[in-house]
């Protein structure tokens, strides 16, 4: 089992979550579409060569985002990350995945 976490602008959060959930990620027992989300503010500065969805090259941007955390079975992780990247509005979405201990 893995924990998958990603950061997404508030306005696009539901569509990105739905894409990830469609892969089977976010299932816990007899429940689906399970996640925890925390509001916060992301910061970034697009460099030359970037094609930013929000902001301008060379300018520092601050965006209201959600950090979305969910569990994902090992066999579904690759598909979940691929769906996340495809649905996410950012050119380079920030995400992390780590394996959970089975205790």
PDB file of N, CA and C in Angstrom:
ATOM      1  N   UNK A   1       0.848  -1.173   0.000  1.00  0.00           N
ATOM      2  CA  UNK A   1       0.000   0.000   0.000  1.00  0.00           C
ATOM      3  C   UNK A   1       0.892   1.234   0.000  1.00  0.00           C
ATOM      4  N   UNK A   2       0.466   2.254  -0.717  1.00  0.00           N
ATOM      5  CA  UNK A   2       1.174   3.524  -0.797  1.00  0.00           C
ATOM      6  C   UNK A   2       0.279   4.656  -0.311  1.00  0.00           C
ATOM      7  N   UNK A   3       0.905   5.719   0.139  1.00  0.00           N
ATOM      8  CA  UNK A   3       0.224   6.993   0.379  1.00  0.00           C
ATOM      9  C   UNK A   3       0.634   7.879  -0.779  1.00  0.00           C
ATOM     10  N   UNK A   4      -0.337   8.440  -1.469  1.00  0.00           N
ATOM     11  CA  UNK A   4      -0.105   9.371  -2.568  1.00  0.00           C
ATOM     12  C   UNK A   4      -0.605  10.731  -2.120  1.00  0.00           C
ATOM     13  N   UNK A   5       0.214  11.748  -2.263  1.00  0.00           N
ATOM     14  CA  UNK A   5      -0.156  13.112  -1.908  1.00  0.00           C
ATOM     15  C   UNK A   5       0.182  14.016  -3.081  1.00  0.00           C
ATOM     16  N   UNK A   6      -0.705  14.966  -3.353  1.00  0.00           N
ATOM     17  CA  UNK A   6      -0.425  15.917  -4.427  1.00  0.00           C
ATOM     18  C   UNK A   6      -1.015  17.278  -4.081  1.00  0.00           C
ATOM     19  N   UNK A   7      -0.516  18.296  -4.755  1.00  0.00           N
ATOM     20  CA  UNK A   7      -0.925  19.672  -4.544  1.00  0.00           C
ATOM     21  C   UNK A   7      -1.615  20.155  -5.810  1.00  0.00           C
ATOM     22  N   UNK A   8      -2.777  20.798  -5.654  1.00  0.00           N
ATOM     23  CA  UNK A   8      -3.576  21.187  -6.812  1.00  0.00           C
ATOM     24  C   UNK A   8      -4.328  22.481  -6.491  1.00  0.00           C
ATOM     25  N   UNK A   9      -4.468  23.384  -7.479  1.00  0.00           N
ATOM     26  CA  UNK A   9      -5.272  24.585  -7.233  1.00  0.00           C
ATOM     27  C   UNK A   9      -6.693  24.203  -6.816  1.00  0.00           C
ATOM     28  N   UNK A  10      -7.255  24.952  -5.909  1.00  0.00           N
ATOM     29  CA  UNK A  10      -8.581  24.657  -5.359  1.00  0.00           C
ATOM     30  C   UNK A  10      -9.610  24.465  -6.480  1.00  0.00           C
ATOM     31  N   UNK A  11      -9.571  25.315  -7.486  1.00  0.00           N
ATOM     32  CA  UNK A  11     -10.570  25.277  -8.553  1.00  0.00           C
ATOM     33  C   UNK A  11     -10.541  23.980  -9.358  1.00  0.00           C
ATOM     34  N   UNK A  12      -9.402  23.345  -9.474  1.00  0.00           N
ATOM     35  CA  UNK A  12      -9.276  22.130 -10.268  1.00  0.00           C
ATOM     36  C   UNK A  12      -9.227  20.854  -9.425  1.00  0.00           C
ATOM     37  N   UNK A  13      -9.341  20.981  -8.115  1.00  0.00           N
ATOM     38  CA  UNK A  13      -9.150  19.834  -7.219  1.00  0.00           C
ATOM     39  C   UNK A  13     -10.130  18.701  -7.485  1.00  0.00           C
ATOM     40  N   UNK A  14     -11.406  19.002  -7.656  1.00  0.00           N
ATOM     41  CA  UNK A  14     -12.393  17.930  -7.819  1.00  0.00           C
ATOM     42  C   UNK A  14     -12.142  17.112  -9.083  1.00  0.00           C
ATOM     43  N   UNK A  15     -11.822  17.764 -10.186  1.00  0.00           N
ATOM     44  CA  UNK A  15     -11.601  17.016 -11.434  1.00  0.00           C
ATOM     45  C   UNK A  15     -10.336  16.157 -11.355  1.00  0.00           C
ATOM     46  N   UNK A  16      -9.293  16.654 -10.692  1.00  0.00           N
ATOM     47  CA  UNK A  16      -8.067  15.868 -10.545  1.00  0.00           C
ATOM     48  C   UNK A  16      -8.309  14.687  -9.605  1.00  0.00           C
ATOM     49  N   UNK A  17      -9.017  14.924  -8.504  1.00  0.00           N
ATOM     50  CA  UNK A  17      -9.325  13.822  -7.584  1.00  0.00           C
ATOM     51  C   UNK A  17     -10.143  12.744  -8.288  1.00  0.00           C
ATOM     52  N   UNK A  18     -11.143  13.142  -9.054  1.00  0.00           N
ATOM     53  CA  UNK A  18     -11.973  12.163  -9.762  1.00  0.00           C
ATOM     54  C   UNK A  18     -11.147  11.314 -10.721  1.00  0.00           C
ATOM     55  N   UNK A  19     -10.196  11.925 -11.416  1.00  0.00           N
ATOM     56  CA  UNK A  19      -9.326  11.180 -12.336  1.00  0.00           C
ATOM     57  C   UNK A  19      -8.497  10.149 -11.582  1.00  0.00           C
ATOM     58  N   UNK A  20      -7.968  10.538 -10.422  1.00  0.00           N
ATOM     59  CA  UNK A  20      -7.162   9.611  -9.617  1.00  0.00           C
ATOM     60  C   UNK A  20      -8.052   8.515  -9.027  1.00  0.00           C
ATOM     61  N   UNK A  21      -9.218   8.874  -8.519  1.00  0.00           N
ATOM     62  CA  UNK A  21     -10.138   7.882  -7.962  1.00  0.00           C
ATOM     63  C   UNK A  21     -10.594   6.878  -9.021  1.00  0.00           C
ATOM     64  N   UNK A  22     -10.708   7.305 -10.274  1.00  0.00           N
ATOM     65  CA  UNK A  22     -11.154   6.421 -11.357  1.00  0.00           C
ATOM     66  C   UNK A  22     -10.192   5.260 -11.591  1.00  0.00           C
ATOM     67  N   UNK A  23      -8.954   5.381 -11.107  1.00  0.00           N
ATOM     68  CA  UNK A  23      -7.972   4.296 -11.245  1.00  0.00           C
ATOM     69  C   UNK A  23      -8.103   3.265 -10.131  1.00  0.00           C
ATOM     70  N   UNK A  24      -8.951   3.552  -9.145  1.00  0.00           N
ATOM     71  CA  UNK A  24      -9.108   2.664  -7.996  1.00  0.00           C
ATOM     72  C   UNK A  24      -8.335   3.122  -6.782  1.00  0.00           C
ATOM     73  N   UNK A  25      -7.587   4.206  -6.909  1.00  0.00           N
ATOM     74  CA  UNK A  25      -6.888   4.766  -5.750  1.00  0.00           C
ATOM     75  C   UNK A  25      -7.930   5.370  -4.811  1.00  0.00           C
ATOM     76  N   UNK A  26      -7.598   5.442  -3.528  1.00  0.00           N
ATOM     77  CA  UNK A  26      -8.494   6.038  -2.548  1.00  0.00           C
ATOM     78  C   UNK A  26      -9.529   5.079  -1.996  1.00  0.00           C
ATOM     79  N   UNK A  27      -9.297   3.789  -2.149  1.00  0.00           N
ATOM     80  CA  UNK A  27     -10.224   2.798  -1.594  1.00  0.00           C
ATOM     81  C   UNK A  27      -9.698   2.284  -0.260  1.00  0.00           C
ATOM     82  N   UNK A  28     -10.596   2.240   0.725  1.00  0.00           N
ATOM     83  CA  UNK A  28     -10.273   1.695   2.039  1.00  0.00           C
ATOM     84  C   UNK A  28     -11.423   0.769   2.414  1.00  0.00           C
ATOM     85  N   UNK A  29     -11.174  -0.527   2.392  1.00  0.00           N
ATOM     86  CA  UNK A  29     -12.224  -1.494   2.714  1.00  0.00           C
ATOM     87  C   UNK A  29     -13.407  -1.345   1.786  1.00  0.00           C
ATOM     88  N   UNK A  30     -14.581  -1.123   2.350  1.00  0.00           N
ATOM     89  CA  UNK A  30     -15.807  -0.980   1.570  1.00  0.00           C
ATOM     90  C   UNK A  30     -16.116   0.478   1.218  1.00  0.00           C
ATOM     91  N   UNK A  31     -15.111   1.337   1.197  1.00  0.00           N
ATOM     92  CA  UNK A  31     -15.290   2.750   0.894  1.00  0.00           C
ATOM     93  C   UNK A  31     -14.394   3.142  -0.278  1.00  0.00           C
ATOM     94  N   UNK A  32     -14.882   4.064  -1.111  1.00  0.00           N
ATOM     95  CA  UNK A  32     -14.071   4.575  -2.212  1.00  0.00           C
ATOM     96  C   UNK A  32     -14.049   6.095  -2.172  1.00  0.00           C
ATOM     97  N   UNK A  33     -13.193   6.682  -2.980  1.00  0.00           N
ATOM     98  CA  UNK A  33     -13.038   8.136  -3.048  1.00  0.00           C
ATOM     99  C   UNK A  33     -12.658   8.722  -1.684  1.00  0.00           C
ATOM    100  N   UNK A  34     -11.852   7.986  -0.922  1.00  0.00           N
ATOM    101  CA  UNK A  34     -11.399   8.435   0.397  1.00  0.00           C
ATOM    102  C   UNK A  34     -10.138   9.287   0.253  1.00  0.00           C
ATOM    103  N   UNK A  35     -10.139  10.430   0.873  1.00  0.00           N
ATOM    104  CA  UNK A  35      -8.937  11.267   0.882  1.00  0.00           C
ATOM    105  C   UNK A  35      -9.031  12.244   2.041  1.00  0.00           C
ATOM    106  N   UNK A  36      -7.925  12.897   2.310  1.00  0.00           N
ATOM    107  CA  UNK A  36      -7.888  13.997   3.261  1.00  0.00           C
ATOM    108  C   UNK A  36      -7.274  15.164   2.521  1.00  0.00           C
ATOM    109  N   UNK A  37      -7.820  16.347   2.698  1.00  0.00           N
ATOM    110  CA  UNK A  37      -7.269  17.508   2.009  1.00  0.00           C
ATOM    111  C   UNK A  37      -7.079  18.658   2.977  1.00  0.00           C
ATOM    112  N   UNK A  38      -6.001  19.376   2.755  1.00  0.00           N
ATOM    113  CA  UNK A  38      -5.634  20.495   3.592  1.00  0.00           C
ATOM    114  C   UNK A  38      -5.409  21.714   2.706  1.00  0.00           C
ATOM    115  N   UNK A  39      -5.994  22.840   3.071  1.00  0.00           N
ATOM    116  CA  UNK A  39      -5.809  24.075   2.308  1.00  0.00           C
ATOM    117  C   UNK A  39      -4.477  24.720   2.664  1.00  0.00           C
ATOM    118  N   UNK A  40      -3.876  25.340   1.675  1.00  0.00           N
ATOM    119  CA  UNK A  40      -2.619  26.047   1.890  1.00  0.00           C
ATOM    120  C   UNK A  40      -2.303  26.919   0.698  1.00  0.00           C
ATOM    121  N   UNK A  41      -1.115  27.461   0.703  1.00  0.00           N
ATOM    122  CA  UNK A  41      -0.700  28.342  -0.377  1.00  0.00           C
ATOM    123  C   UNK A  41       0.591  27.816  -1.004  1.00  0.00           C
ATOM    124  N   UNK A  42       0.526  27.551  -2.308  1.00  0.00           N
ATOM    125  CA  UNK A  42       1.711  27.130  -3.051  1.00  0.00           C
ATOM    126  C   UNK A  42       2.455  28.337  -3.592  1.00  0.00           C
ATOM    127  N   UNK A  43       3.735  28.167  -3.801  1.00  0.00           N
ATOM    128  CA  UNK A  43       4.583  29.235  -4.326  1.00  0.00           C
ATOM    129  C   UNK A  43       5.483  28.663  -5.399  1.00  0.00           C
ATOM    130  N   UNK A  44       5.700  29.398  -6.481  1.00  0.00           N
ATOM    131  CA  UNK A  44       6.597  28.956  -7.545  1.00  0.00           C
ATOM    132  C   UNK A  44       6.968  30.135  -8.438  1.00  0.00           C
ATOM    133  N   UNK A  45       8.085  29.984  -9.160  1.00  0.00           N
ATOM    134  CA  UNK A  45       8.529  30.963 -10.146  1.00  0.00           C
ATOM    135  C   UNK A  45       8.864  30.194 -11.422  1.00  0.00           C
ATOM    136  N   UNK A  46       8.069  30.326 -12.481  1.00  0.00           N
ATOM    137  CA  UNK A  46       8.380  29.639 -13.736  1.00  0.00           C
ATOM    138  C   UNK A  46       9.679  30.178 -14.343  1.00  0.00           C
ATOM    139  N   UNK A  47      10.514  29.274 -14.811  1.00  0.00           N
ATOM    140  CA  UNK A  47      11.785  29.640 -15.431  1.00  0.00           C
ATOM    141  C   UNK A  47      11.625  29.733 -16.943  1.00  0.00           C
ATOM    142  N   UNK A  48      12.639  30.290 -17.606  1.00  0.00           N
ATOM    143  CA  UNK A  48      12.625  30.364 -19.067  1.00  0.00           C
ATOM    144  C   UNK A  48      12.382  28.971 -19.641  1.00  0.00           C
ATOM    145  N   UNK A  49      11.504  28.888 -20.627  1.00  0.00           N
ATOM    146  CA  UNK A  49      11.163  27.613 -21.233  1.00  0.00           C
ATOM    147  C   UNK A  49       9.898  27.004 -20.664  1.00  0.00           C
ATOM    148  N   UNK A  50       9.430  27.511 -19.513  1.00  0.00           N
ATOM    149  CA  UNK A  50       8.199  26.994 -18.899  1.00  0.00           C
ATOM    150  C   UNK A  50       6.986  27.569 -19.636  1.00  0.00           C
ATOM    151  N   UNK A  51       5.888  26.835 -19.547  1.00  0.00           N
ATOM    152  CA  UNK A  51       4.601  27.274 -20.092  1.00  0.00           C
ATOM    153  C   UNK A  51       3.585  27.202 -18.958  1.00  0.00           C
ATOM    154  N   UNK A  52       3.611  28.176 -18.034  1.00  0.00           N
ATOM    155  CA  UNK A  52       2.807  28.077 -16.818  1.00  0.00           C
ATOM    156  C   UNK A  52       1.305  28.208 -17.064  1.00  0.00           C
ATOM    157  N   UNK A  53       0.547  27.397 -16.359  1.00  0.00           N
ATOM    158  CA  UNK A  53      -0.923  27.478 -16.359  1.00  0.00           C
ATOM    159  C   UNK A  53      -1.361  28.731 -15.607  1.00  0.00           C
ATOM    160  N   UNK A  54      -0.640  29.053 -14.558  1.00  0.00           N
ATOM    161  CA  UNK A  54      -0.892  30.236 -13.731  1.00  0.00           C
ATOM    162  C   UNK A  54       0.421  30.990 -13.604  1.00  0.00           C
ATOM    163  N   UNK A  55       0.375  32.300 -13.636  1.00  0.00           N
ATOM    164  CA  UNK A  55       1.572  33.104 -13.448  1.00  0.00           C
ATOM    165  C   UNK A  55       2.312  33.377 -14.742  1.00  0.00           C
ATOM    166  N   UNK A  56       3.471  34.020 -14.602  1.00  0.00           N
ATOM    167  CA  UNK A  56       4.292  34.402 -15.746  1.00  0.00           C
ATOM    168  C   UNK A  56       5.730  33.977 -15.517  1.00  0.00           C
ATOM    169  N   UNK A  57       6.414  33.675 -16.613  1.00  0.00           N
ATOM    170  CA  UNK A  57       7.827  33.304 -16.544  1.00  0.00           C
ATOM    171  C   UNK A  57       8.600  34.426 -15.838  1.00  0.00           C
ATOM    172  N   UNK A  58       9.397  34.028 -14.869  1.00  0.00           N
ATOM    173  CA  UNK A  58      10.232  34.966 -14.131  1.00  0.00           C
ATOM    174  C   UNK A  58       9.566  35.638 -12.941  1.00  0.00           C
ATOM    175  N   UNK A  59       8.257  35.489 -12.808  1.00  0.00           N
ATOM    176  CA  UNK A  59       7.545  36.155 -11.719  1.00  0.00           C
ATOM    177  C   UNK A  59       7.134  35.142 -10.652  1.00  0.00           C
ATOM    178  N   UNK A  60       7.310  35.504  -9.400  1.00  0.00           N
ATOM    179  CA  UNK A  60       6.917  34.651  -8.290  1.00  0.00           C
ATOM    180  C   UNK A  60       5.396  34.664  -8.166  1.00  0.00           C
ATOM    181  N   UNK A  61       4.798  33.474  -8.064  1.00  0.00           N
ATOM    182  CA  UNK A  61       3.348  33.350  -7.935  1.00  0.00           C
ATOM    183  C   UNK A  61       2.995  32.654  -6.632  1.00  0.00           C
ATOM    184  N   UNK A  62       1.840  33.027  -6.085  1.00  0.00           N
ATOM    185  CA  UNK A  62       1.267  32.377  -4.908  1.00  0.00           C
ATOM    186  C   UNK A  62      -0.137  31.941  -5.287  1.00  0.00           C
ATOM    187  N   UNK A  63      -0.478  30.681  -5.013  1.00  0.00           N
ATOM    188  CA  UNK A  63      -1.753  30.115  -5.434  1.00  0.00           C
ATOM    189  C   UNK A  63      -2.395  29.368  -4.273  1.00  0.00           C
ATOM    190  N   UNK A  64      -3.687  29.575  -4.082  1.00  0.00           N
ATOM    191  CA  UNK A  64      -4.431  28.807  -3.083  1.00  0.00           C
ATOM    192  C   UNK A  64      -4.577  27.383  -3.611  1.00  0.00           C
ATOM    193  N   UNK A  65      -4.046  26.425  -2.874  1.00  0.00           N
ATOM    194  CA  UNK A  65      -4.038  25.036  -3.307  1.00  0.00           C
ATOM    195  C   UNK A  65      -4.542  24.127  -2.189  1.00  0.00           C
ATOM    196  N   UNK A  66      -4.842  22.905  -2.571  1.00  0.00           N
ATOM    197  CA  UNK A  66      -5.129  21.846  -1.611  1.00  0.00           C
ATOM    198  C   UNK A  66      -4.025  20.813  -1.681  1.00  0.00           C
ATOM    199  N   UNK A  67      -3.652  20.278  -0.534  1.00  0.00           N
ATOM    200  CA  UNK A  67      -2.821  19.086  -0.482  1.00  0.00           C
ATOM    201  C   UNK A  67      -3.802  17.937  -0.289  1.00  0.00           C
ATOM    202  N   UNK A  68      -3.829  17.016  -1.245  1.00  0.00           N
ATOM    203  CA  UNK A  68      -4.746  15.887  -1.208  1.00  0.00           C
ATOM    204  C   UNK A  68      -3.921  14.640  -0.903  1.00  0.00           C
ATOM    205  N   UNK A  69      -4.344  13.872   0.108  1.00  0.00           N
ATOM    206  CA  UNK A  69      -3.656  12.647   0.495  1.00  0.00           C
ATOM    207  C   UNK A  69      -4.637  11.488   0.426  1.00  0.00           C
ATOM    208  N   UNK A  70      -4.174  10.362  -0.121  1.00  0.00           N
ATOM    209  CA  UNK A  70      -5.012   9.173  -0.221  1.00  0.00           C
ATOM    210  C   UNK A  70      -4.130   7.937  -0.259  1.00  0.00           C
ATOM    211  N   UNK A  71      -4.745   6.787  -0.002  1.00  0.00           N
ATOM    212  CA  UNK A  71      -4.012   5.529  -0.094  1.00  0.00           C
ATOM    213  C   UNK A  71      -4.215   4.935  -1.480  1.00  0.00           C
ATOM    214  N   UNK A  72      -3.269   4.082  -1.858  1.00  0.00           N
ATOM    215  CA  UNK A  72      -3.310   3.484  -3.188  1.00  0.00           C
ATOM    216  C   UNK A  72      -2.620   2.120  -3.131  1.00  0.00           C
ATOM    217  N   UNK A  73      -3.307   1.110  -3.618  1.00  0.00           N
ATOM    218  CA  UNK A  73      -2.701  -0.221  -3.678  1.00  0.00           C
ATOM    219  C   UNK A  73      -1.488  -0.200  -4.611  1.00  0.00           C
ATOM    220  N   UNK A  74      -0.517  -1.036  -4.314  1.00  0.00           N
ATOM    221  CA  UNK A  74       0.716  -1.082  -5.101  1.00  0.00           C
ATOM    222  C   UNK A  74       0.431  -1.198  -6.600  1.00  0.00           C
ATOM    223  N   UNK A  75      -0.460  -2.101  -6.970  1.00  0.00           N
ATOM    224  CA  UNK A  75      -0.732  -2.380  -8.380  1.00  0.00           C
ATOM    225  C   UNK A  75      -1.422  -1.217  -9.090  1.00  0.00           C
ATOM    226  N   UNK A  76      -1.958  -0.269  -8.344  1.00  0.00           N
ATOM    227  CA  UNK A  76      -2.685   0.857  -8.948  1.00  0.00           C
ATOM    228  C   UNK A  76      -1.875   2.154  -8.960  1.00  0.00           C
ATOM    229  N   UNK A  77      -0.709   2.161  -8.330  1.00  0.00           N
ATOM    230  CA  UNK A  77       0.045   3.395  -8.159  1.00  0.00           C
ATOM    231  C   UNK A  77       0.458   4.010  -9.495  1.00  0.00           C
ATOM    232  N   UNK A  78       0.988   3.216 -10.393  1.00  0.00           N
ATOM    233  CA  UNK A  78       1.450   3.758 -11.675  1.00  0.00           C
ATOM    234  C   UNK A  78       0.286   4.414 -12.436  1.00  0.00           C
ATOM    235  N   UNK A  79      -0.865   3.763 -12.468  1.00  0.00           N
ATOM    236  CA  UNK A  79      -2.033   4.318 -13.155  1.00  0.00           C
ATOM    237  C   UNK A  79      -2.537   5.576 -12.452  1.00  0.00           C
ATOM    238  N   UNK A  80      -2.500   5.581 -11.129  1.00  0.00           N
ATOM    239  CA  UNK A  80      -2.963   6.751 -10.372  1.00  0.00           C
ATOM    240  C   UNK A  80      -2.082   7.962 -10.647  1.00  0.00           C
ATOM    241  N   UNK A  81      -0.774   7.774 -10.676  1.00  0.00           N
ATOM    242  CA  UNK A  81       0.146   8.881 -10.948  1.00  0.00           C
ATOM    243  C   UNK A  81      -0.017   9.353 -12.394  1.00  0.00           C
ATOM    244  N   UNK A  82      -0.186   8.433 -13.329  1.00  0.00           N
ATOM    245  CA  UNK A  82      -0.398   8.815 -14.730  1.00  0.00           C
ATOM    246  C   UNK A  82      -1.685   9.631 -14.881  1.00  0.00           C
ATOM    247  N   UNK A  83      -2.755   9.216 -14.200  1.00  0.00           N
ATOM    248  CA  UNK A  83      -4.015   9.954 -14.250  1.00  0.00           C
ATOM    249  C   UNK A  83      -3.864  11.332 -13.615  1.00  0.00           C
ATOM    250  N   UNK A  84      -3.139  11.403 -12.515  1.00  0.00           N
ATOM    251  CA  UNK A  84      -2.875  12.672 -11.849  1.00  0.00           C
ATOM    252  C   UNK A  84      -2.177  13.639 -12.807  1.00  0.00           C
ATOM    253  N   UNK A  85      -1.116  13.171 -13.455  1.00  0.00           N
ATOM    254  CA  UNK A  85      -0.360  14.031 -14.379  1.00  0.00           C
ATOM    255  C   UNK A  85      -1.208  14.475 -15.567  1.00  0.00           C
ATOM    256  N   UNK A  86      -2.032  13.585 -16.063  1.00  0.00           N
ATOM    257  CA  UNK A  86      -2.870  13.906 -17.226  1.00  0.00           C
ATOM    258  C   UNK A  86      -3.962  14.916 -16.875  1.00  0.00           C
ATOM    259  N   UNK A  87      -4.576  14.782 -15.711  1.00  0.00           N
ATOM    260  CA  UNK A  87      -5.693  15.643 -15.317  1.00  0.00           C
ATOM    261  C   UNK A  87      -5.250  16.968 -14.706  1.00  0.00           C
ATOM    262  N   UNK A  88      -4.042  17.018 -14.194  1.00  0.00           N
ATOM    263  CA  UNK A  88      -3.569  18.201 -13.466  1.00  0.00           C
ATOM    264  C   UNK A  88      -3.312  19.357 -14.431  1.00  0.00           C
ATOM    265  N   UNK A  89      -3.695  20.578 -14.050  1.00  0.00           N
ATOM    266  CA  UNK A  89      -3.490  21.716 -14.949  1.00  0.00           C
ATOM    267  C   UNK A  89      -2.039  22.189 -15.043  1.00  0.00           C
ATOM    268  N   UNK A  90      -1.202  21.835 -14.061  1.00  0.00           N
ATOM    269  CA  UNK A  90       0.177  22.323 -14.068  1.00  0.00           C
ATOM    270  C   UNK A  90       1.035  21.506 -15.012  1.00  0.00           C
ATOM    271  N   UNK A  91       1.998  22.175 -15.607  1.00  0.00           N
ATOM    272  CA  UNK A  91       2.981  21.531 -16.477  1.00  0.00           C
ATOM    273  C   UNK A  91       3.815  20.514 -15.687  1.00  0.00           C
ATOM    274  N   UNK A  92       4.120  20.837 -14.443  1.00  0.00           N
ATOM    275  CA  UNK A  92       4.919  19.973 -13.565  1.00  0.00           C
ATOM    276  C   UNK A  92       4.206  19.837 -12.222  1.00  0.00           C
ATOM    277  N   UNK A  93       3.210  18.949 -12.114  1.00  0.00           N
ATOM    278  CA  UNK A  93       2.509  18.831 -10.833  1.00  0.00           C
ATOM    279  C   UNK A  93       3.420  18.292  -9.731  1.00  0.00           C
ATOM    280  N   UNK A  94       3.247  18.840  -8.540  1.00  0.00           N
ATOM    281  CA  UNK A  94       4.011  18.373  -7.382  1.00  0.00           C
ATOM    282  C   UNK A  94       3.234  17.242  -6.710  1.00  0.00           C
ATOM    283  N   UNK A  95       3.902  16.110  -6.525  1.00  0.00           N
ATOM    284  CA  UNK A  95       3.277  14.972  -5.852  1.00  0.00           C
ATOM    285  C   UNK A  95       4.359  14.150  -5.181  1.00  0.00           C
ATOM    286  N   UNK A  96       3.930  13.289  -4.279  1.00  0.00           N
ATOM    287  CA  UNK A  96       4.860  12.369  -3.618  1.00  0.00           C
ATOM    288  C   UNK A  96       4.114  11.069  -3.336  1.00  0.00           C
ATOM    289  N   UNK A  97       4.852   9.992  -3.354  1.00  0.00           N
ATOM    290  CA  UNK A  97       4.285   8.678  -3.039  1.00  0.00           C
ATOM    291  C   UNK A  97       5.283   7.950  -2.159  1.00  0.00           C
ATOM    292  N   UNK A  98       4.785   7.352  -1.080  1.00  0.00           N
ATOM    293  CA  UNK A  98       5.676   6.580  -0.232  1.00  0.00           C
ATOM    294  C   UNK A  98       4.966   5.306   0.213  1.00  0.00           C
ATOM    295  N   UNK A  99       5.771   4.269   0.354  1.00  0.00           N
ATOM    296  CA  UNK A  99       5.239   2.971   0.723  1.00  0.00           C
ATOM    297  C   UNK A  99       4.937   2.941   2.216  1.00  0.00           C
ATOM    298  N   UNK A 100       3.786   2.374   2.555  1.00  0.00           N
ATOM    299  CA  UNK A 100       3.373   2.273   3.949  1.00  0.00           C
ATOM    300  C   UNK A 100       3.756   0.923   4.527  1.00  0.00           C
ATOM    301  N   UNK A 101       4.102   0.887   5.775  1.00  0.00           N
ATOM    302  CA  UNK A 101       4.433  -0.357   6.463  1.00  0.00           C
ATOM    303  C   UNK A 101       3.153  -1.132   6.743  1.00  0.00           C
ATOM    304  N   UNK A 102       3.228  -2.422   6.641  1.00  0.00           N
ATOM    305  CA  UNK A 102       2.089  -3.288   6.963  1.00  0.00           C
ATOM    306  C   UNK A 102       2.346  -3.855   8.348  1.00  0.00           C
ATOM    307  N   UNK A 103       1.754  -3.226   9.374  1.00  0.00           N
ATOM    308  CA  UNK A 103       1.984  -3.652  10.760  1.00  0.00           C
ATOM    309  C   UNK A 103       0.740  -4.198  11.393  1.00  0.00           C
TER     310      UNK A 103
END
